[in-house]
């Protein structure tokens, strides 16, 4: 689940975590638009053990996605996420 820094997203992430626990499913979280001053608050709203990536707030990511284009630069955080998804058979 992608978790944005908004009240609604943080509340929804808690519900998804609870629902996953009830179903016996593990829910993984990707924290999105993370800034240093809100990171701890975002982590506190989810089971931080299940956070598989933290994508930083970067203007260039926002502008590129707004245009519907692919990123033309690399981020270690996204590499880490891709490695996790490949390792767990989500993508190949």
N, C-alpha and C. Protein backbone atom coordinates (compact mmCIF):
# COMPACT_ATOMS: atom_id res chain seq x y z
N UNK A 1 0.84 -1.17 0.00
CA UNK A 1 0.00 0.00 0.00
C UNK A 1 0.89 1.23 0.00
N UNK A 2 0.54 2.19 -0.83
CA UNK A 2 1.25 3.47 -0.88
C UNK A 2 0.62 4.37 0.17
N UNK A 3 1.47 4.98 1.00
CA UNK A 3 0.99 5.85 2.06
C UNK A 3 1.52 7.26 1.81
N UNK A 4 0.61 8.16 1.51
CA UNK A 4 0.96 9.57 1.32
C UNK A 4 0.89 10.30 2.65
N UNK A 5 1.54 11.43 2.76
CA UNK A 5 1.49 12.18 4.01
C UNK A 5 0.21 13.01 4.15
N UNK A 6 -0.89 12.30 4.32
CA UNK A 6 -2.17 12.98 4.56
C UNK A 6 -2.90 12.23 5.66
N UNK A 7 -3.76 12.91 6.35
CA UNK A 7 -4.54 12.30 7.42
C UNK A 7 -5.31 11.09 6.91
N UNK A 8 -5.96 11.27 5.75
CA UNK A 8 -6.79 10.20 5.19
C UNK A 8 -5.95 8.97 4.85
N UNK A 9 -4.82 9.18 4.24
CA UNK A 9 -3.96 8.07 3.86
C UNK A 9 -3.41 7.34 5.09
N UNK A 10 -3.04 8.08 6.11
CA UNK A 10 -2.53 7.46 7.34
C UNK A 10 -3.62 6.64 8.02
N UNK A 11 -4.84 7.18 8.07
CA UNK A 11 -5.97 6.43 8.67
C UNK A 11 -6.27 5.17 7.86
N UNK A 12 -6.28 5.29 6.55
CA UNK A 12 -6.56 4.15 5.69
C UNK A 12 -5.48 3.08 5.82
N UNK A 13 -4.24 3.49 5.99
CA UNK A 13 -3.16 2.51 6.13
C UNK A 13 -3.33 1.70 7.41
N UNK A 14 -3.79 2.35 8.47
CA UNK A 14 -4.06 1.61 9.71
C UNK A 14 -5.15 0.57 9.49
N UNK A 15 -6.21 0.97 8.79
CA UNK A 15 -7.31 0.04 8.52
C UNK A 15 -6.84 -1.13 7.66
N UNK A 16 -6.01 -0.86 6.66
CA UNK A 16 -5.49 -1.93 5.81
C UNK A 16 -4.63 -2.88 6.63
N UNK A 17 -3.81 -2.33 7.52
CA UNK A 17 -2.99 -3.16 8.38
C UNK A 17 -3.82 -4.05 9.27
N UNK A 18 -4.89 -3.49 9.86
CA UNK A 18 -5.79 -4.27 10.71
C UNK A 18 -6.52 -5.35 9.90
N UNK A 19 -6.98 -4.98 8.72
CA UNK A 19 -7.70 -5.92 7.86
C UNK A 19 -6.76 -7.06 7.45
N UNK A 20 -5.54 -6.73 7.09
CA UNK A 20 -4.56 -7.75 6.73
C UNK A 20 -4.31 -8.71 7.87
N UNK A 21 -4.18 -8.17 9.07
CA UNK A 21 -3.96 -9.02 10.25
C UNK A 21 -5.14 -9.96 10.49
N UNK A 22 -6.34 -9.46 10.32
CA UNK A 22 -7.54 -10.29 10.49
C UNK A 22 -7.60 -11.41 9.46
N UNK A 23 -7.13 -11.13 8.26
CA UNK A 23 -7.16 -12.12 7.17
C UNK A 23 -5.94 -13.03 7.17
N UNK A 24 -4.99 -12.71 8.02
CA UNK A 24 -3.76 -13.49 8.03
C UNK A 24 -2.83 -13.14 6.88
N UNK A 25 -3.02 -11.96 6.31
CA UNK A 25 -2.19 -11.50 5.20
C UNK A 25 -1.25 -10.40 5.69
N UNK A 26 -0.07 -10.41 5.16
CA UNK A 26 0.87 -9.35 5.51
C UNK A 26 0.67 -8.19 4.53
N UNK A 27 0.54 -7.01 5.06
CA UNK A 27 0.38 -5.81 4.24
C UNK A 27 1.69 -5.04 4.29
N UNK A 28 2.21 -4.71 3.12
CA UNK A 28 3.46 -3.95 3.04
C UNK A 28 3.15 -2.51 2.67
N UNK A 29 3.98 -1.62 3.18
CA UNK A 29 3.75 -0.19 2.98
C UNK A 29 4.94 0.46 2.28
N UNK A 30 4.62 1.39 1.39
CA UNK A 30 5.61 2.26 0.77
C UNK A 30 5.24 3.67 1.19
N UNK A 31 6.10 4.29 1.97
CA UNK A 31 5.86 5.66 2.38
C UNK A 31 6.25 6.57 1.22
N UNK A 32 5.35 7.44 0.84
CA UNK A 32 5.53 8.30 -0.33
C UNK A 32 5.61 9.77 0.09
N UNK A 33 6.44 10.52 -0.62
CA UNK A 33 6.59 11.96 -0.36
C UNK A 33 7.09 12.23 1.06
N UNK A 34 8.05 11.44 1.47
CA UNK A 34 8.57 11.53 2.84
C UNK A 34 9.53 12.70 2.97
N UNK A 35 9.28 13.52 3.97
CA UNK A 35 10.18 14.61 4.33
C UNK A 35 10.69 14.31 5.74
N UNK A 36 11.91 14.74 6.05
CA UNK A 36 12.50 14.41 7.36
C UNK A 36 11.62 14.77 8.56
N UNK A 37 10.94 15.90 8.50
CA UNK A 37 10.17 16.34 9.66
C UNK A 37 8.86 15.60 9.86
N UNK A 38 8.42 14.79 8.88
CA UNK A 38 7.18 14.03 9.04
C UNK A 38 7.42 12.52 9.01
N UNK A 39 8.63 12.10 8.78
CA UNK A 39 8.96 10.68 8.64
C UNK A 39 8.50 9.87 9.85
N UNK A 40 8.86 10.30 11.04
CA UNK A 40 8.52 9.55 12.26
C UNK A 40 7.01 9.43 12.45
N UNK A 41 6.30 10.48 12.12
CA UNK A 41 4.84 10.44 12.25
C UNK A 41 4.24 9.43 11.27
N UNK A 42 4.79 9.38 10.05
CA UNK A 42 4.30 8.41 9.07
C UNK A 42 4.62 6.99 9.52
N UNK A 43 5.82 6.76 10.01
CA UNK A 43 6.20 5.44 10.49
C UNK A 43 5.33 5.00 11.67
N UNK A 44 4.98 5.94 12.53
CA UNK A 44 4.17 5.61 13.71
C UNK A 44 2.75 5.19 13.33
N UNK A 45 2.30 5.57 12.14
CA UNK A 45 0.92 5.25 11.75
C UNK A 45 0.80 3.87 11.12
N UNK A 46 1.93 3.24 10.78
CA UNK A 46 1.91 1.91 10.16
C UNK A 46 2.82 0.99 10.96
N UNK A 47 2.71 -0.30 10.69
CA UNK A 47 3.64 -1.24 11.30
C UNK A 47 4.97 -1.06 10.57
N UNK A 48 5.90 -0.36 11.19
CA UNK A 48 7.14 0.01 10.50
C UNK A 48 7.96 -1.20 10.05
N UNK A 49 7.71 -2.37 10.63
CA UNK A 49 8.38 -3.59 10.18
C UNK A 49 7.96 -3.91 8.75
N UNK A 50 6.75 -3.51 8.37
CA UNK A 50 6.23 -3.81 7.05
C UNK A 50 6.45 -2.68 6.04
N UNK A 51 7.26 -1.69 6.39
CA UNK A 51 7.60 -0.63 5.45
C UNK A 51 8.75 -1.13 4.59
N UNK A 52 8.50 -1.24 3.29
CA UNK A 52 9.52 -1.79 2.39
C UNK A 52 10.27 -0.70 1.63
N UNK A 53 9.76 0.53 1.65
CA UNK A 53 10.46 1.63 0.98
C UNK A 53 9.93 2.96 1.48
N UNK A 54 10.79 3.95 1.39
CA UNK A 54 10.42 5.32 1.71
C UNK A 54 10.88 6.19 0.55
N UNK A 55 9.92 6.70 -0.20
CA UNK A 55 10.23 7.54 -1.36
C UNK A 55 10.24 8.99 -0.89
N UNK A 56 11.34 9.69 -1.10
CA UNK A 56 11.43 11.07 -0.59
C UNK A 56 10.57 12.04 -1.40
N UNK A 57 10.22 13.11 -0.77
CA UNK A 57 9.51 14.21 -1.45
C UNK A 57 10.55 14.92 -2.32
N UNK A 58 10.37 14.81 -3.61
CA UNK A 58 11.28 15.49 -4.54
C UNK A 58 10.46 16.11 -5.65
N UNK A 59 10.67 17.37 -5.85
CA UNK A 59 9.91 18.12 -6.86
C UNK A 59 10.01 17.48 -8.24
N UNK A 60 11.18 16.96 -8.59
CA UNK A 60 11.36 16.39 -9.93
C UNK A 60 10.52 15.12 -10.12
N UNK A 61 10.29 14.36 -9.06
CA UNK A 61 9.41 13.19 -9.16
C UNK A 61 7.99 13.66 -9.44
N UNK A 62 7.55 14.64 -8.70
CA UNK A 62 6.20 15.18 -8.86
C UNK A 62 5.99 15.72 -10.28
N UNK A 63 6.93 16.51 -10.76
CA UNK A 63 6.80 17.12 -12.09
C UNK A 63 6.80 16.06 -13.18
N UNK A 64 7.64 15.05 -13.05
CA UNK A 64 7.70 13.99 -14.05
C UNK A 64 6.41 13.19 -14.06
N UNK A 65 5.89 12.84 -12.89
CA UNK A 65 4.65 12.05 -12.83
C UNK A 65 3.46 12.88 -13.29
N UNK A 66 3.48 14.16 -13.04
CA UNK A 66 2.39 15.03 -13.47
C UNK A 66 2.28 15.04 -15.00
N UNK A 67 3.41 14.90 -15.66
CA UNK A 67 3.44 14.86 -17.13
C UNK A 67 3.18 13.45 -17.67
N UNK A 68 3.08 12.46 -16.78
CA UNK A 68 2.84 11.09 -17.20
C UNK A 68 4.06 10.44 -17.83
N UNK A 69 5.24 10.94 -17.50
CA UNK A 69 6.47 10.43 -18.08
C UNK A 69 7.19 9.51 -17.10
N UNK A 70 8.11 8.71 -17.65
CA UNK A 70 8.95 7.86 -16.82
C UNK A 70 10.04 8.71 -16.19
N UNK A 71 10.49 8.26 -15.01
CA UNK A 71 11.60 8.95 -14.37
C UNK A 71 12.85 8.78 -15.22
N UNK A 72 13.59 9.85 -15.41
CA UNK A 72 14.83 9.76 -16.18
C UNK A 72 16.05 9.86 -15.26
N UNK A 73 15.84 9.48 -14.02
CA UNK A 73 16.91 9.43 -13.03
C UNK A 73 16.63 8.28 -12.10
N UNK A 74 17.64 7.86 -11.35
CA UNK A 74 17.48 6.73 -10.45
C UNK A 74 17.48 7.19 -9.00
N UNK A 75 16.72 6.46 -8.20
CA UNK A 75 16.68 6.69 -6.76
C UNK A 75 16.98 5.38 -6.06
N UNK A 76 17.86 5.41 -5.08
CA UNK A 76 18.18 4.20 -4.32
C UNK A 76 16.93 3.61 -3.68
N UNK A 77 16.03 4.46 -3.23
CA UNK A 77 14.81 4.01 -2.57
C UNK A 77 13.94 3.18 -3.52
N UNK A 78 13.88 3.60 -4.78
CA UNK A 78 13.07 2.88 -5.76
C UNK A 78 13.77 1.58 -6.14
N UNK A 79 15.09 1.59 -6.23
CA UNK A 79 15.84 0.36 -6.49
C UNK A 79 15.55 -0.67 -5.40
N UNK A 80 15.55 -0.20 -4.15
CA UNK A 80 15.28 -1.09 -3.02
C UNK A 80 13.87 -1.69 -3.13
N UNK A 81 12.91 -0.89 -3.52
CA UNK A 81 11.54 -1.36 -3.68
C UNK A 81 11.45 -2.40 -4.80
N UNK A 82 12.09 -2.13 -5.92
CA UNK A 82 12.08 -3.07 -7.04
C UNK A 82 12.72 -4.40 -6.62
N UNK A 83 13.82 -4.34 -5.90
CA UNK A 83 14.48 -5.55 -5.42
C UNK A 83 13.54 -6.35 -4.51
N UNK A 84 12.83 -5.68 -3.64
CA UNK A 84 11.87 -6.35 -2.76
C UNK A 84 10.77 -7.02 -3.58
N UNK A 85 10.23 -6.30 -4.55
CA UNK A 85 9.14 -6.85 -5.37
C UNK A 85 9.63 -8.05 -6.20
N UNK A 86 10.83 -7.97 -6.74
CA UNK A 86 11.39 -9.09 -7.50
C UNK A 86 11.62 -10.29 -6.60
N UNK A 87 12.22 -10.05 -5.43
CA UNK A 87 12.54 -11.13 -4.49
C UNK A 87 11.29 -11.87 -4.04
N UNK A 88 10.18 -11.14 -3.92
CA UNK A 88 8.94 -11.73 -3.44
C UNK A 88 7.99 -12.14 -4.56
N UNK A 89 8.49 -12.16 -5.79
CA UNK A 89 7.71 -12.66 -6.93
C UNK A 89 6.57 -11.79 -7.38
N UNK A 90 6.58 -10.53 -6.97
CA UNK A 90 5.50 -9.63 -7.40
C UNK A 90 5.74 -9.18 -8.83
N UNK A 91 7.00 -8.94 -9.18
CA UNK A 91 7.39 -8.62 -10.55
C UNK A 91 8.58 -9.49 -10.93
N UNK A 92 8.80 -9.63 -12.21
CA UNK A 92 9.98 -10.39 -12.64
C UNK A 92 10.72 -9.66 -13.73
